[in-house]
Amino acid sequence: MQYRFSFAIAPKLCKLRRAKETLEAQREAREIHKGLTARIESLDSALHARVLELRGAEARRDEATARAQELQQLCDEQERTIARLRADLAEAIRIVRARRGGTGG
C-alpha cells in the first residue's frame, strides 16, 4: 500500500515543486524589475537635470554671443570715429601749415 501511495503522490509533489520554483522565479523577477525600474527613474531624473543644465548653458552662451556682437559693433564704431578724427586732425594740420606759409614751425 505504501508503494502505491508514493506513486500517487509523486506527480503531485513534482507539480508542487515546479509551482514553488515558478513562484520563486516570479518573485525574483519582480525584485529585479523593481530594482531596474528604480534605476531607470534615477537615470531619467539625472538626465532631465542635465538637460536643464545644458539649456541654461546654451542660454548663457547665446547671451554672451549677443553681448560680444554688441561690443564688436561698438568697437567698429569707435574705430570709424578714430579714423574720422585722424582725418580731421590731418586736415587741420594741413590748414595750419598752409596759413603759416608751408613751414614746419
PDB file of N, CA and C in Angstrom:
ATOM      1  N   MET A   1       0.828  -1.189   0.000  1.00  0.00           N
ATOM      2  CA  MET A   1       0.000   0.000   0.000  1.00  0.00           C
ATOM      3  C   MET A   1       0.878   1.260   0.000  1.00  0.00           C
ATOM      4  N   GLN A   2       1.911   1.223   0.763  1.00  0.00           N
ATOM      5  CA  GLN A   2       2.844   2.349   0.808  1.00  0.00           C
ATOM      6  C   GLN A   2       3.406   2.607  -0.584  1.00  0.00           C
ATOM      7  N   TYR A   3       3.755   1.578  -1.311  1.00  0.00           N
ATOM      8  CA  TYR A   3       4.311   1.669  -2.641  1.00  0.00           C
ATOM      9  C   TYR A   3       3.330   2.373  -3.573  1.00  0.00           C
ATOM     10  N   ARG A   4       2.090   2.011  -3.517  1.00  0.00           N
ATOM     11  CA  ARG A   4       1.062   2.591  -4.353  1.00  0.00           C
ATOM     12  C   ARG A   4       0.806   4.039  -3.986  1.00  0.00           C
ATOM     13  N   PHE A   5       0.858   4.330  -2.712  1.00  0.00           N
ATOM     14  CA  PHE A   5       0.625   5.691  -2.208  1.00  0.00           C
ATOM     15  C   PHE A   5       1.710   6.639  -2.735  1.00  0.00           C
ATOM     16  N   SER A   6       2.940   6.192  -2.786  1.00  0.00           N
ATOM     17  CA  SER A   6       4.043   7.008  -3.277  1.00  0.00           C
ATOM     18  C   SER A   6       3.870   7.343  -4.744  1.00  0.00           C
ATOM     19  N   PHE A   7       3.416   6.348  -5.512  1.00  0.00           N
ATOM     20  CA  PHE A   7       3.203   6.608  -6.930  1.00  0.00           C
ATOM     21  C   PHE A   7       2.098   7.625  -7.155  1.00  0.00           C
ATOM     22  N   ALA A   8       1.117   7.635  -6.301  1.00  0.00           N
ATOM     23  CA  ALA A   8       0.004   8.568  -6.445  1.00  0.00           C
ATOM     24  C   ALA A   8       0.424   9.978  -6.051  1.00  0.00           C
ATOM     25  N   ILE A   9       1.301  10.091  -5.089  1.00  0.00           N
ATOM     26  CA  ILE A   9       1.702  11.412  -4.601  1.00  0.00           C
ATOM     27  C   ILE A   9       2.845  12.012  -5.411  1.00  0.00           C
ATOM     28  N   ALA A  10       3.706  11.222  -5.964  1.00  0.00           N
ATOM     29  CA  ALA A  10       4.903  11.704  -6.654  1.00  0.00           C
ATOM     30  C   ALA A  10       4.592  12.743  -7.735  1.00  0.00           C
ATOM     31  N   PRO A  11       3.641  12.504  -8.629  1.00  0.00           N
ATOM     32  CA  PRO A  11       3.368  13.520  -9.637  1.00  0.00           C
ATOM     33  C   PRO A  11       2.875  14.828  -9.033  1.00  0.00           C
ATOM     34  N   LYS A  12       2.080  14.712  -7.969  1.00  0.00           N
ATOM     35  CA  LYS A  12       1.584  15.922  -7.320  1.00  0.00           C
ATOM     36  C   LYS A  12       2.720  16.684  -6.641  1.00  0.00           C
ATOM     37  N   LEU A  13       3.628  15.975  -6.023  1.00  0.00           N
ATOM     38  CA  LEU A  13       4.783  16.615  -5.408  1.00  0.00           C
ATOM     39  C   LEU A  13       5.643  17.299  -6.464  1.00  0.00           C
ATOM     40  N   CYS A  14       5.793  16.646  -7.600  1.00  0.00           N
ATOM     41  CA  CYS A  14       6.572  17.211  -8.689  1.00  0.00           C
ATOM     42  C   CYS A  14       5.916  18.505  -9.175  1.00  0.00           C
ATOM     43  N   LYS A  15       4.601  18.475  -9.335  1.00  0.00           N
ATOM     44  CA  LYS A  15       3.875  19.680  -9.754  1.00  0.00           C
ATOM     45  C   LYS A  15       4.030  20.791  -8.722  1.00  0.00           C
ATOM     46  N   LEU A  16       3.918  20.430  -7.443  1.00  0.00           N
ATOM     47  CA  LEU A  16       4.066  21.425  -6.375  1.00  0.00           C
ATOM     48  C   LEU A  16       5.468  22.017  -6.367  1.00  0.00           C
ATOM     49  N   ARG A  17       6.469  21.189  -6.580  1.00  0.00           N
ATOM     50  CA  ARG A  17       7.844  21.665  -6.621  1.00  0.00           C
ATOM     51  C   ARG A  17       8.041  22.641  -7.788  1.00  0.00           C
ATOM     52  N   ARG A  18       7.495  22.283  -8.965  1.00  0.00           N
ATOM     53  CA  ARG A  18       7.598  23.173 -10.123  1.00  0.00           C
ATOM     54  C   ARG A  18       6.858  24.491  -9.868  1.00  0.00           C
ATOM     55  N   ALA A  19       5.696  24.389  -9.231  1.00  0.00           N
ATOM     56  CA  ALA A  19       4.926  25.604  -8.921  1.00  0.00           C
ATOM     57  C   ALA A  19       5.707  26.486  -7.948  1.00  0.00           C
ATOM     58  N   LYS A  20       6.338  25.864  -6.952  1.00  0.00           N
ATOM     59  CA  LYS A  20       7.136  26.613  -5.989  1.00  0.00           C
ATOM     60  C   LYS A  20       8.319  27.291  -6.694  1.00  0.00           C
ATOM     61  N   GLU A  21       8.993  26.564  -7.577  1.00  0.00           N
ATOM     62  CA  GLU A  21      10.116  27.136  -8.318  1.00  0.00           C
ATOM     63  C   GLU A  21       9.657  28.281  -9.210  1.00  0.00           C
ATOM     64  N   THR A  22       8.476  28.110  -9.815  1.00  0.00           N
ATOM     65  CA  THR A  22       7.919  29.168 -10.662  1.00  0.00           C
ATOM     66  C   THR A  22       7.622  30.407  -9.824  1.00  0.00           C
ATOM     67  N   LEU A  23       7.021  30.212  -8.664  1.00  0.00           N
ATOM     68  CA  LEU A  23       6.720  31.346  -7.779  1.00  0.00           C
ATOM     69  C   LEU A  23       7.995  32.042  -7.320  1.00  0.00           C
ATOM     70  N   GLU A  24       9.019  31.271  -6.991  1.00  0.00           N
ATOM     71  CA  GLU A  24      10.289  31.867  -6.578  1.00  0.00           C
ATOM     72  C   GLU A  24      10.918  32.652  -7.735  1.00  0.00           C
ATOM     73  N   ALA A  25      10.838  32.087  -8.931  1.00  0.00           N
ATOM     74  CA  ALA A  25      11.381  32.783 -10.102  1.00  0.00           C
ATOM     75  C   ALA A  25      10.605  34.066 -10.369  1.00  0.00           C
ATOM     76  N   GLN A  26       9.284  34.007 -10.209  1.00  0.00           N
ATOM     77  CA  GLN A  26       8.468  35.214 -10.400  1.00  0.00           C
ATOM     78  C   GLN A  26       8.790  36.268  -9.346  1.00  0.00           C
ATOM     79  N   ARG A  27       8.966  35.847  -8.123  1.00  0.00           N
ATOM     80  CA  ARG A  27       9.310  36.772  -7.036  1.00  0.00           C
ATOM     81  C   ARG A  27      10.663  37.431  -7.320  1.00  0.00           C
ATOM     82  N   GLU A  28      11.614  36.626  -7.752  1.00  0.00           N
ATOM     83  CA  GLU A  28      12.940  37.145  -8.089  1.00  0.00           C
ATOM     84  C   GLU A  28      12.847  38.113  -9.273  1.00  0.00           C
ATOM     85  N   ALA A  29      12.041  37.760 -10.263  1.00  0.00           N
ATOM     86  CA  ALA A  29      11.863  38.638 -11.429  1.00  0.00           C
ATOM     87  C   ALA A  29      11.236  39.962 -11.010  1.00  0.00           C
ATOM     88  N   ARG A  30      10.268  39.917 -10.080  1.00  0.00           N
ATOM     89  CA  ARG A  30       9.647  41.165  -9.595  1.00  0.00           C
ATOM     90  C   ARG A  30      10.667  42.041  -8.874  1.00  0.00           C
ATOM     91  N   GLU A  31      11.527  41.432  -8.080  1.00  0.00           N
ATOM     92  CA  GLU A  31      12.563  42.191  -7.377  1.00  0.00           C
ATOM     93  C   GLU A  31      13.538  42.826  -8.369  1.00  0.00           C
ATOM     94  N   ILE A  32      13.934  42.062  -9.369  1.00  0.00           N
ATOM     95  CA  ILE A  32      14.836  42.594 -10.404  1.00  0.00           C
ATOM     96  C   ILE A  32      14.148  43.733 -11.139  1.00  0.00           C
ATOM     97  N   HIS A  33      12.878  43.534 -11.490  1.00  0.00           N
ATOM     98  CA  HIS A  33      12.115  44.568 -12.198  1.00  0.00           C
ATOM     99  C   HIS A  33      12.012  45.833 -11.352  1.00  0.00           C
ATOM    100  N   LYS A  34      11.745  45.661 -10.064  1.00  0.00           N
ATOM    101  CA  LYS A  34      11.633  46.810  -9.170  1.00  0.00           C
ATOM    102  C   LYS A  34      12.960  47.573  -9.107  1.00  0.00           C
ATOM    103  N   GLY A  35      14.067  46.836  -9.011  1.00  0.00           N
ATOM    104  CA  GLY A  35      15.385  47.465  -8.976  1.00  0.00           C
ATOM    105  C   GLY A  35      15.707  48.191 -10.275  1.00  0.00           C
ATOM    106  N   LEU A  36      15.383  47.547 -11.392  1.00  0.00           N
ATOM    107  CA  LEU A  36      15.637  48.176 -12.686  1.00  0.00           C
ATOM    108  C   LEU A  36      14.769  49.419 -12.877  1.00  0.00           C
ATOM    109  N   THR A  37      13.531  49.343 -12.447  1.00  0.00           N
ATOM    110  CA  THR A  37      12.628  50.490 -12.557  1.00  0.00           C
ATOM    111  C   THR A  37      13.163  51.664 -11.736  1.00  0.00           C
ATOM    112  N   ALA A  38      13.629  51.392 -10.537  1.00  0.00           N
ATOM    113  CA  ALA A  38      14.194  52.460  -9.704  1.00  0.00           C
ATOM    114  C   ALA A  38      15.429  53.059 -10.362  1.00  0.00           C
ATOM    115  N   ARG A  39      16.263  52.216 -10.931  1.00  0.00           N
ATOM    116  CA  ARG A  39      17.484  52.704 -11.602  1.00  0.00           C
ATOM    117  C   ARG A  39      17.125  53.550 -12.822  1.00  0.00           C
ATOM    118  N   ILE A  40      16.136  53.110 -13.602  1.00  0.00           N
ATOM    119  CA  ILE A  40      15.708  53.869 -14.770  1.00  0.00           C
ATOM    120  C   ILE A  40      15.154  55.229 -14.341  1.00  0.00           C
ATOM    121  N   GLU A  41      14.358  55.255 -13.290  1.00  0.00           N
ATOM    122  CA  GLU A  41      13.814  56.522 -12.807  1.00  0.00           C
ATOM    123  C   GLU A  41      14.927  57.450 -12.336  1.00  0.00           C
ATOM    124  N   SER A  42      15.928  56.887 -11.681  1.00  0.00           N
ATOM    125  CA  SER A  42      17.062  57.684 -11.222  1.00  0.00           C
ATOM    126  C   SER A  42      17.832  58.254 -12.408  1.00  0.00           C
ATOM    127  N   LEU A  43      18.089  57.424 -13.404  1.00  0.00           N
ATOM    128  CA  LEU A  43      18.800  57.894 -14.599  1.00  0.00           C
ATOM    129  C   LEU A  43      17.979  58.937 -15.357  1.00  0.00           C
ATOM    130  N   ASP A  44      16.683  58.733 -15.416  1.00  0.00           N
ATOM    131  CA  ASP A  44      15.804  59.690 -16.095  1.00  0.00           C
ATOM    132  C   ASP A  44      15.840  61.038 -15.386  1.00  0.00           C
ATOM    133  N   SER A  45      15.829  60.997 -14.072  1.00  0.00           N
ATOM    134  CA  SER A  45      15.891  62.230 -13.293  1.00  0.00           C
ATOM    135  C   SER A  45      17.228  62.949 -13.511  1.00  0.00           C
ATOM    136  N   ALA A  46      18.311  62.179 -13.502  1.00  0.00           N
ATOM    137  CA  ALA A  46      19.638  62.768 -13.733  1.00  0.00           C
ATOM    138  C   ALA A  46      19.738  63.341 -15.139  1.00  0.00           C
ATOM    139  N   LEU A  47      19.183  62.636 -16.106  1.00  0.00           N
ATOM    140  CA  LEU A  47      19.199  63.113 -17.484  1.00  0.00           C
ATOM    141  C   LEU A  47      18.402  64.406 -17.613  1.00  0.00           C
ATOM    142  N   HIS A  48      17.250  64.458 -16.964  1.00  0.00           N
ATOM    143  CA  HIS A  48      16.426  65.667 -17.006  1.00  0.00           C
ATOM    144  C   HIS A  48      17.184  66.853 -16.402  1.00  0.00           C
ATOM    145  N   ALA A  49      17.853  66.628 -15.287  1.00  0.00           N
ATOM    146  CA  ALA A  49      18.641  67.689 -14.653  1.00  0.00           C
ATOM    147  C   ALA A  49      19.756  68.153 -15.585  1.00  0.00           C
ATOM    148  N   ARG A  50      20.398  67.219 -16.267  1.00  0.00           N
ATOM    149  CA  ARG A  50      21.487  67.567 -17.194  1.00  0.00           C
ATOM    150  C   ARG A  50      20.954  68.367 -18.388  1.00  0.00           C
ATOM    151  N   VAL A  51      19.775  67.988 -18.887  1.00  0.00           N
ATOM    152  CA  VAL A  51      19.157  68.716 -19.995  1.00  0.00           C
ATOM    153  C   VAL A  51      18.880  70.157 -19.573  1.00  0.00           C
ATOM    154  N   LEU A  52      18.339  70.333 -18.372  1.00  0.00           N
ATOM    155  CA  LEU A  52      18.074  71.688 -17.881  1.00  0.00           C
ATOM    156  C   LEU A  52      19.372  72.481 -17.737  1.00  0.00           C
ATOM    157  N   GLU A  53      20.415  71.806 -17.252  1.00  0.00           N
ATOM    158  CA  GLU A  53      21.719  72.459 -17.104  1.00  0.00           C
ATOM    159  C   GLU A  53      22.267  72.896 -18.471  1.00  0.00           C
ATOM    160  N   LEU A  54      22.140  72.019 -19.456  1.00  0.00           N
ATOM    161  CA  LEU A  54      22.628  72.342 -20.805  1.00  0.00           C
ATOM    162  C   LEU A  54      21.820  73.471 -21.438  1.00  0.00           C
ATOM    163  N   ARG A  55      20.513  73.463 -21.202  1.00  0.00           N
ATOM    164  CA  ARG A  55      19.686  74.554 -21.729  1.00  0.00           C
ATOM    165  C   ARG A  55      20.096  75.886 -21.115  1.00  0.00           C
ATOM    166  N   GLY A  56      20.390  75.880 -19.816  1.00  0.00           N
ATOM    167  CA  GLY A  56      20.864  77.088 -19.161  1.00  0.00           C
ATOM    168  C   GLY A  56      22.191  77.548 -19.735  1.00  0.00           C
ATOM    169  N   ALA A  57      23.086  76.595 -19.992  1.00  0.00           N
ATOM    170  CA  ALA A  57      24.387  76.938 -20.574  1.00  0.00           C
ATOM    171  C   ALA A  57      24.209  77.499 -21.981  1.00  0.00           C
ATOM    172  N   GLU A  58      23.286  76.917 -22.746  1.00  0.00           N
ATOM    173  CA  GLU A  58      23.022  77.439 -24.097  1.00  0.00           C
ATOM    174  C   GLU A  58      22.483  78.860 -24.030  1.00  0.00           C
ATOM    175  N   ALA A  59      21.598  79.114 -23.079  1.00  0.00           N
ATOM    176  CA  ALA A  59      21.036  80.464 -22.934  1.00  0.00           C
ATOM    177  C   ALA A  59      22.136  81.457 -22.567  1.00  0.00           C
ATOM    178  N   ARG A  60      23.014  81.057 -21.640  1.00  0.00           N
ATOM    179  CA  ARG A  60      24.124  81.943 -21.263  1.00  0.00           C
ATOM    180  C   ARG A  60      25.065  82.177 -22.443  1.00  0.00           C
ATOM    181  N   ARG A  61      25.310  81.119 -23.227  1.00  0.00           N
ATOM    182  CA  ARG A  61      26.158  81.257 -24.408  1.00  0.00           C
ATOM    183  C   ARG A  61      25.528  82.217 -25.412  1.00  0.00           C
ATOM    184  N   ASP A  62      24.229  82.076 -25.627  1.00  0.00           N
ATOM    185  CA  ASP A  62      23.537  82.956 -26.571  1.00  0.00           C
ATOM    186  C   ASP A  62      23.588  84.411 -26.099  1.00  0.00           C
ATOM    187  N   GLU A  63      23.419  84.612 -24.786  1.00  0.00           N
ATOM    188  CA  GLU A  63      23.515  85.973 -24.238  1.00  0.00           C
ATOM    189  C   GLU A  63      24.922  86.532 -24.418  1.00  0.00           C
ATOM    190  N   ALA A  64      25.918  85.708 -24.158  1.00  0.00           N
ATOM    191  CA  ALA A  64      27.311  86.147 -24.310  1.00  0.00           C
ATOM    192  C   ALA A  64      27.626  86.454 -25.773  1.00  0.00           C
ATOM    193  N   THR A  65      27.097  85.643 -26.674  1.00  0.00           N
ATOM    194  CA  THR A  65      27.314  85.887 -28.107  1.00  0.00           C
ATOM    195  C   THR A  65      26.680  87.208 -28.521  1.00  0.00           C
ATOM    196  N   ALA A  66      25.460  87.443 -28.060  1.00  0.00           N
ATOM    197  CA  ALA A  66      24.782  88.705 -28.391  1.00  0.00           C
ATOM    198  C   ALA A  66      25.555  89.892 -27.824  1.00  0.00           C
ATOM    199  N   ARG A  67      26.039  89.758 -26.598  1.00  0.00           N
ATOM    200  CA  ARG A  67      26.816  90.849 -25.979  1.00  0.00           C
ATOM    201  C   ARG A  67      28.122  91.076 -26.746  1.00  0.00           C
ATOM    202  N   ALA A  68      28.773  89.990 -27.157  1.00  0.00           N
ATOM    203  CA  ALA A  68      30.017  90.114 -27.925  1.00  0.00           C
ATOM    204  C   ALA A  68      29.759  90.827 -29.253  1.00  0.00           C
ATOM    205  N   GLN A  69      28.639  90.527 -29.877  1.00  0.00           N
ATOM    206  CA  GLN A  69      28.296  91.202 -31.126  1.00  0.00           C
ATOM    207  C   GLN A  69      28.063  92.700 -30.892  1.00  0.00           C
ATOM    208  N   GLU A  70      27.372  93.018 -29.787  1.00  0.00           N
ATOM    209  CA  GLU A  70      27.155  94.430 -29.450  1.00  0.00           C
ATOM    210  C   GLU A  70      28.486  95.133 -29.234  1.00  0.00           C
ATOM    211  N   LEU A  71      29.386  94.488 -28.483  1.00  0.00           N
ATOM    212  CA  LEU A  71      30.696  95.088 -28.219  1.00  0.00           C
ATOM    213  C   LEU A  71      31.506  95.249 -29.504  1.00  0.00           C
ATOM    214  N   GLN A  72      31.404  94.266 -30.402  1.00  0.00           N
ATOM    215  CA  GLN A  72      32.107  94.363 -31.672  1.00  0.00           C
ATOM    216  C   GLN A  72      31.580  95.546 -32.486  1.00  0.00           C
ATOM    217  N   GLN A  73      30.277  95.751 -32.468  1.00  0.00           N
ATOM    218  CA  GLN A  73      29.697  96.895 -33.179  1.00  0.00           C
ATOM    219  C   GLN A  73      30.195  98.207 -32.574  1.00  0.00           C
ATOM    220  N   LEU A  74      30.272  98.253 -31.243  1.00  0.00           N
ATOM    221  CA  LEU A  74      30.791  99.463 -30.583  1.00  0.00           C
ATOM    222  C   LEU A  74      32.254  99.700 -30.966  1.00  0.00           C
ATOM    223  N   CYS A  75      33.046  98.627 -30.999  1.00  0.00           N
ATOM    224  CA  CYS A  75      34.460  98.755 -31.389  1.00  0.00           C
ATOM    225  C   CYS A  75      34.576  99.263 -32.827  1.00  0.00           C
ATOM    226  N   ASP A  76      33.763  98.687 -33.715  1.00  0.00           N
ATOM    227  CA  ASP A  76      33.788  99.128 -35.110  1.00  0.00           C
ATOM    228  C   ASP A  76      33.425 100.611 -35.205  1.00  0.00           C
ATOM    229  N   GLU A  77      32.440 101.025 -34.448  1.00  0.00           N
ATOM    230  CA  GLU A  77      32.024 102.431 -34.447  1.00  0.00           C
ATOM    231  C   GLU A  77      33.141 103.323 -33.910  1.00  0.00           C
ATOM    232  N   GLN A  78      33.803 102.869 -32.848  1.00  0.00           N
ATOM    233  CA  GLN A  78      34.910 103.628 -32.279  1.00  0.00           C
ATOM    234  C   GLN A  78      36.070 103.737 -33.277  1.00  0.00           C
ATOM    235  N   GLU A  79      36.348 102.655 -33.986  1.00  0.00           N
ATOM    236  CA  GLU A  79      37.420 102.686 -34.994  1.00  0.00           C
ATOM    237  C   GLU A  79      37.086 103.683 -36.103  1.00  0.00           C
ATOM    238  N   ARG A  80      35.812 103.703 -36.524  1.00  0.00           N
ATOM    239  CA  ARG A  80      35.408 104.674 -37.550  1.00  0.00           C
ATOM    240  C   ARG A  80      35.544 106.103 -37.016  1.00  0.00           C
ATOM    241  N   THR A  81      35.171 106.307 -35.749  1.00  0.00           N
ATOM    242  CA  THR A  81      35.293 107.634 -35.144  1.00  0.00           C
ATOM    243  C   THR A  81      36.754 108.052 -35.071  1.00  0.00           C
ATOM    244  N   ILE A  82      37.628 107.137 -34.648  1.00  0.00           N
ATOM    245  CA  ILE A  82      39.067 107.435 -34.568  1.00  0.00           C
ATOM    246  C   ILE A  82      39.615 107.773 -35.949  1.00  0.00           C
ATOM    247  N   ALA A  83      39.233 106.987 -36.960  1.00  0.00           N
ATOM    248  CA  ALA A  83      39.702 107.254 -38.325  1.00  0.00           C
ATOM    249  C   ALA A  83      39.229 108.635 -38.783  1.00  0.00           C
ATOM    250  N   ARG A  84      37.975 108.981 -38.470  1.00  0.00           N
ATOM    251  CA  ARG A  84      37.438 110.285 -38.853  1.00  0.00           C
ATOM    252  C   ARG A  84      38.178 111.412 -38.116  1.00  0.00           C
ATOM    253  N   LEU A  85      38.465 111.217 -36.832  1.00  0.00           N
ATOM    254  CA  LEU A  85      39.189 112.227 -36.057  1.00  0.00           C
ATOM    255  C   LEU A  85      40.621 112.390 -36.572  1.00  0.00           C
ATOM    256  N   ARG A  86      41.271 111.288 -36.959  1.00  0.00           N
ATOM    257  CA  ARG A  86      42.619 111.376 -37.524  1.00  0.00           C
ATOM    258  C   ARG A  86      42.598 112.173 -38.833  1.00  0.00           C
ATOM    259  N   ALA A  87      41.580 111.877 -39.651  1.00  0.00           N
ATOM    260  CA  ALA A  87      41.461 112.606 -40.915  1.00  0.00           C
ATOM    261  C   ALA A  87      41.219 114.095 -40.644  1.00  0.00           C
ATOM    262  N   ASP A  88      40.360 114.396 -39.657  1.00  0.00           N
ATOM    263  CA  ASP A  88      40.095 115.799 -39.302  1.00  0.00           C
ATOM    264  C   ASP A  88      41.361 116.465 -38.779  1.00  0.00           C
ATOM    265  N   LEU A  89      42.130 115.748 -37.955  1.00  0.00           N
ATOM    266  CA  LEU A  89      43.364 116.293 -37.413  1.00  0.00           C
ATOM    267  C   LEU A  89      44.372 116.545 -38.534  1.00  0.00           C
ATOM    268  N   ALA A  90      44.490 115.593 -39.444  1.00  0.00           N
ATOM    269  CA  ALA A  90      45.408 115.764 -40.570  1.00  0.00           C
ATOM    270  C   ALA A  90      44.995 116.974 -41.399  1.00  0.00           C
ATOM    271  N   GLU A  91      43.705 117.154 -41.617  1.00  0.00           N
ATOM    272  CA  GLU A  91      43.201 118.304 -42.368  1.00  0.00           C
ATOM    273  C   GLU A  91      43.499 119.601 -41.623  1.00  0.00           C
ATOM    274  N   ALA A  92      43.298 119.594 -40.300  1.00  0.00           N
ATOM    275  CA  ALA A  92      43.567 120.782 -39.502  1.00  0.00           C
ATOM    276  C   ALA A  92      45.054 121.141 -39.563  1.00  0.00           C
ATOM    277  N   ILE A  93      45.913 120.127 -39.460  1.00  0.00           N
ATOM    278  CA  ILE A  93      47.363 120.367 -39.546  1.00  0.00           C
ATOM    279  C   ILE A  93      47.711 120.931 -40.920  1.00  0.00           C
ATOM    280  N   ARG A  94      47.128 120.391 -41.964  1.00  0.00           N
ATOM    281  CA  ARG A  94      47.376 120.885 -43.317  1.00  0.00           C
ATOM    282  C   ARG A  94      46.950 122.355 -43.440  1.00  0.00           C
ATOM    283  N   ILE A  95      45.784 122.694 -42.885  1.00  0.00           N
ATOM    284  CA  ILE A  95      45.285 124.075 -42.963  1.00  0.00           C
ATOM    285  C   ILE A  95      46.216 125.019 -42.208  1.00  0.00           C
ATOM    286  N   VAL A  96      46.628 124.621 -40.999  1.00  0.00           N
ATOM    287  CA  VAL A  96      47.521 125.470 -40.196  1.00  0.00           C
ATOM    288  C   VAL A  96      48.841 125.656 -40.921  1.00  0.00           C
ATOM    289  N   ARG A  97      49.396 124.618 -41.468  1.00  0.00           N
ATOM    290  CA  ARG A  97      50.661 124.726 -42.203  1.00  0.00           C
ATOM    291  C   ARG A  97      50.497 125.634 -43.433  1.00  0.00           C
ATOM    292  N   ALA A  98      49.380 125.518 -44.090  1.00  0.00           N
ATOM    293  CA  ALA A  98      49.137 126.334 -45.273  1.00  0.00           C
ATOM    294  C   ALA A  98      49.057 127.811 -44.873  1.00  0.00           C
ATOM    295  N   ARG A  99      48.449 128.109 -43.735  1.00  0.00           N
ATOM    296  CA  ARG A  99      48.340 129.503 -43.269  1.00  0.00           C
ATOM    297  C   ARG A  99      49.694 130.056 -42.854  1.00  0.00           C
ATOM    298  N   ARG A 100      50.552 129.191 -42.353  1.00  0.00           N
ATOM    299  CA  ARG A 100      51.871 129.643 -41.902  1.00  0.00           C
ATOM    300  C   ARG A 100      52.856 129.732 -43.066  1.00  0.00           C
ATOM    301  N   GLY A 101      52.415 129.416 -44.166  1.00  0.00           N
ATOM    302  CA  GLY A 101      53.281 129.526 -45.331  1.00  0.00           C
ATOM    303  C   GLY A 101      54.001 128.235 -45.660  1.00  0.00           C
ATOM    304  N   GLY A 102      53.470 127.101 -45.168  1.00  0.00           N
ATOM    305  CA  GLY A 102      54.054 125.837 -45.547  1.00  0.00           C
ATOM    306  C   GLY A 102      55.278 125.465 -44.755  1.00  0.00           C
ATOM    307  N   THR A 103      55.672 126.258 -43.778  1.00  0.00           N
ATOM    308  CA  THR A 103      56.849 125.888 -42.974  1.00  0.00           C
ATOM    309  C   THR A 103      56.423 124.965 -41.864  1.00  0.00           C
ATOM    310  N   GLY A 104      57.344 124.220 -41.405  1.00  0.00           N
ATOM    311  CA  GLY A 104      57.065 123.243 -40.355  1.00  0.00           C
ATOM    312  C   GLY A 104      56.982 123.843 -38.979  1.00  0.00           C
ATOM    313  N   GLY A 105      57.216 125.139 -38.764  1.00  0.00           N
ATOM    314  CA  GLY A 105      57.123 125.631 -37.404  1.00  0.00           C
ATOM    315  C   GLY A 105      57.493 126.988 -37.318  1.00  0.00           C
TER     316      GLY A 105
END
